[in-house]
């Protein structure tokens, strides 16, 4: 059986990153680009897939029980909030 978390950052690696806030049970793929990480707040039970770019020159808030699919770009110059139980995917 393949470990589906193999290419995702470990909880220890995530805890060492300077997020504004970080919930629990967060999965961020190792090929995610995070710019302005100190402006990013992430809730609990979140998965962010590969090739996602989060650009946070302003506040970027990702709620709980959310998923950002591969290839998505989010730019938060004036702020961006993704509410709880939301999903974003690239067409």
C-alpha atoms as a PDB file:
ATOM      1  CA  UNK A   1       0.000   0.000   0.000  1.00  0.00           C
ATOM      2  CA  UNK A   2       1.357   3.427  -0.963  1.00  0.00           C
ATOM      3  CA  UNK A   3       1.659   6.131   1.683  1.00  0.00           C
ATOM      4  CA  UNK A   4      -0.511   8.951   0.301  1.00  0.00           C
ATOM      5  CA  UNK A   5       1.328  11.457   2.520  1.00  0.00           C
ATOM      6  CA  UNK A   6       4.764  10.627   1.077  1.00  0.00           C
ATOM      7  CA  UNK A   7       5.103  13.841  -0.944  1.00  0.00           C
ATOM      8  CA  UNK A   8       3.485  16.080   1.669  1.00  0.00           C
ATOM      9  CA  UNK A   9       5.369  18.051   4.290  1.00  0.00           C
ATOM     10  CA  UNK A  10       5.532  16.444   7.722  1.00  0.00           C
ATOM     11  CA  UNK A  11       3.707  17.990  10.670  1.00  0.00           C
ATOM     12  CA  UNK A  12       7.124  18.839  12.135  1.00  0.00           C
ATOM     13  CA  UNK A  13       8.215  20.643   8.951  1.00  0.00           C
ATOM     14  CA  UNK A  14       4.938  22.598   8.858  1.00  0.00           C
ATOM     15  CA  UNK A  15       5.258  23.564  12.537  1.00  0.00           C
ATOM     16  CA  UNK A  16       8.705  25.027  11.874  1.00  0.00           C
ATOM     17  CA  UNK A  17       7.390  27.324   9.110  1.00  0.00           C
ATOM     18  CA  UNK A  18       6.453  30.917  10.038  1.00  0.00           C
ATOM     19  CA  UNK A  19       2.721  30.806   9.170  1.00  0.00           C
ATOM     20  CA  UNK A  20       0.569  33.477  10.829  1.00  0.00           C
ATOM     21  CA  UNK A  21      -1.422  30.537  12.220  1.00  0.00           C
ATOM     22  CA  UNK A  22      -1.660  26.823  11.448  1.00  0.00           C
ATOM     23  CA  UNK A  23      -4.318  24.310  12.498  1.00  0.00           C
ATOM     24  CA  UNK A  24      -3.909  20.551  12.860  1.00  0.00           C
ATOM     25  CA  UNK A  25      -4.234  17.782  10.264  1.00  0.00           C
ATOM     26  CA  UNK A  26      -2.828  20.022   7.520  1.00  0.00           C
ATOM     27  CA  UNK A  27      -1.351  18.464   4.375  1.00  0.00           C
ATOM     28  CA  UNK A  28       0.718  20.705   2.111  1.00  0.00           C
ATOM     29  CA  UNK A  29       2.509  19.113  -0.822  1.00  0.00           C
ATOM     30  CA  UNK A  30       6.251  19.690  -1.021  1.00  0.00           C
ATOM     31  CA  UNK A  31       5.777  21.312  -4.477  1.00  0.00           C
ATOM     32  CA  UNK A  32       3.585  24.172  -3.199  1.00  0.00           C
ATOM     33  CA  UNK A  33       5.005  27.705  -3.502  1.00  0.00           C
ATOM     34  CA  UNK A  34       4.304  29.952  -0.518  1.00  0.00           C
ATOM     35  CA  UNK A  35       5.138  33.665  -0.810  1.00  0.00           C
ATOM     36  CA  UNK A  36       4.430  35.884   2.196  1.00  0.00           C
ATOM     37  CA  UNK A  37       4.004  32.891   4.490  1.00  0.00           C
ATOM     38  CA  UNK A  38       3.840  35.207   7.521  1.00  0.00           C
ATOM     39  CA  UNK A  39       0.500  36.500   6.145  1.00  0.00           C
ATOM     40  CA  UNK A  40      -1.046  33.038   5.692  1.00  0.00           C
ATOM     41  CA  UNK A  41      -3.478  31.547   8.239  1.00  0.00           C
ATOM     42  CA  UNK A  42      -4.532  27.930   7.706  1.00  0.00           C
ATOM     43  CA  UNK A  43      -7.289  26.161   9.611  1.00  0.00           C
ATOM     44  CA  UNK A  44      -7.523  22.472  10.493  1.00  0.00           C
ATOM     45  CA  UNK A  45      -8.179  19.552   8.142  1.00  0.00           C
ATOM     46  CA  UNK A  46      -6.748  21.274   5.061  1.00  0.00           C
ATOM     47  CA  UNK A  47      -5.087  19.715   1.993  1.00  0.00           C
ATOM     48  CA  UNK A  48      -3.113  21.725  -0.555  1.00  0.00           C
ATOM     49  CA  UNK A  49      -2.020  19.739  -3.601  1.00  0.00           C
ATOM     50  CA  UNK A  50       1.108  20.137  -5.799  1.00  0.00           C
ATOM     51  CA  UNK A  51       1.847  23.081  -8.101  1.00  0.00           C
ATOM     52  CA  UNK A  52      -0.309  25.459  -6.030  1.00  0.00           C
ATOM     53  CA  UNK A  53       0.996  29.018  -5.628  1.00  0.00           C
ATOM     54  CA  UNK A  54      -0.142  31.098  -2.661  1.00  0.00           C
ATOM     55  CA  UNK A  55       1.004  34.723  -2.952  1.00  0.00           C
ATOM     56  CA  UNK A  56       0.111  36.613   0.222  1.00  0.00           C
ATOM     57  CA  UNK A  57       1.252  40.216   0.236  1.00  0.00           C
ATOM     58  CA  UNK A  58      -1.939  40.809   2.223  1.00  0.00           C
ATOM     59  CA  UNK A  59      -3.825  38.488   4.601  1.00  0.00           C
ATOM     60  CA  UNK A  60      -4.695  35.063   3.183  1.00  0.00           C
ATOM     61  CA  UNK A  61      -7.044  32.962   5.328  1.00  0.00           C
ATOM     62  CA  UNK A  62      -7.835  29.335   4.525  1.00  0.00           C
ATOM     63  CA  UNK A  63     -10.668  27.890   6.612  1.00  0.00           C
ATOM     64  CA  UNK A  64     -11.134  24.420   8.075  1.00  0.00           C
ATOM     65  CA  UNK A  65     -12.069  21.319   6.065  1.00  0.00           C
ATOM     66  CA  UNK A  66     -10.852  22.845   2.802  1.00  0.00           C
ATOM     67  CA  UNK A  67      -8.998  21.585  -0.260  1.00  0.00           C
ATOM     68  CA  UNK A  68      -6.970  23.460  -2.874  1.00  0.00           C
ATOM     69  CA  UNK A  69      -6.446  21.260  -5.947  1.00  0.00           C
ATOM     70  CA  UNK A  70      -3.306  21.058  -8.083  1.00  0.00           C
ATOM     71  CA  UNK A  71      -2.358  23.997 -10.274  1.00  0.00           C
ATOM     72  CA  UNK A  72      -4.352  26.703  -8.478  1.00  0.00           C
ATOM     73  CA  UNK A  73      -2.948  30.241  -8.025  1.00  0.00           C
ATOM     74  CA  UNK A  74      -4.251  32.514  -5.269  1.00  0.00           C
ATOM     75  CA  UNK A  75      -2.979  36.078  -5.036  1.00  0.00           C
ATOM     76  CA  UNK A  76      -3.950  37.922  -1.859  1.00  0.00           C
ATOM     77  CA  UNK A  77      -2.759  41.491  -2.355  1.00  0.00           C
ATOM     78  CA  UNK A  78      -5.752  43.110  -0.635  1.00  0.00           C
ATOM     79  CA  UNK A  79      -6.712  39.940   1.254  1.00  0.00           C
ATOM     80  CA  UNK A  80      -8.416  36.636   0.481  1.00  0.00           C
ATOM     81  CA  UNK A  81     -10.544  34.370   2.662  1.00  0.00           C
ATOM     82  CA  UNK A  82     -11.502  30.816   1.791  1.00  0.00           C
ATOM     83  CA  UNK A  83     -14.381  29.830   4.093  1.00  0.00           C
ATOM     84  CA  UNK A  84     -14.779  26.497   5.905  1.00  0.00           C
ATOM     85  CA  UNK A  85     -15.783  23.450   3.827  1.00  0.00           C
ATOM     86  CA  UNK A  86     -14.700  25.065   0.526  1.00  0.00           C
ATOM     87  CA  UNK A  87     -12.785  23.596  -2.392  1.00  0.00           C
ATOM     88  CA  UNK A  88     -10.936  25.336  -5.205  1.00  0.00           C
ATOM     89  CA  UNK A  89      -9.882  23.554  -8.390  1.00  0.00           C
ATOM     90  CA  UNK A  90      -8.418  24.558 -11.715  1.00  0.00           C
ATOM     91  CA  UNK A  91     -10.517  23.752 -14.755  1.00  0.00           C
END
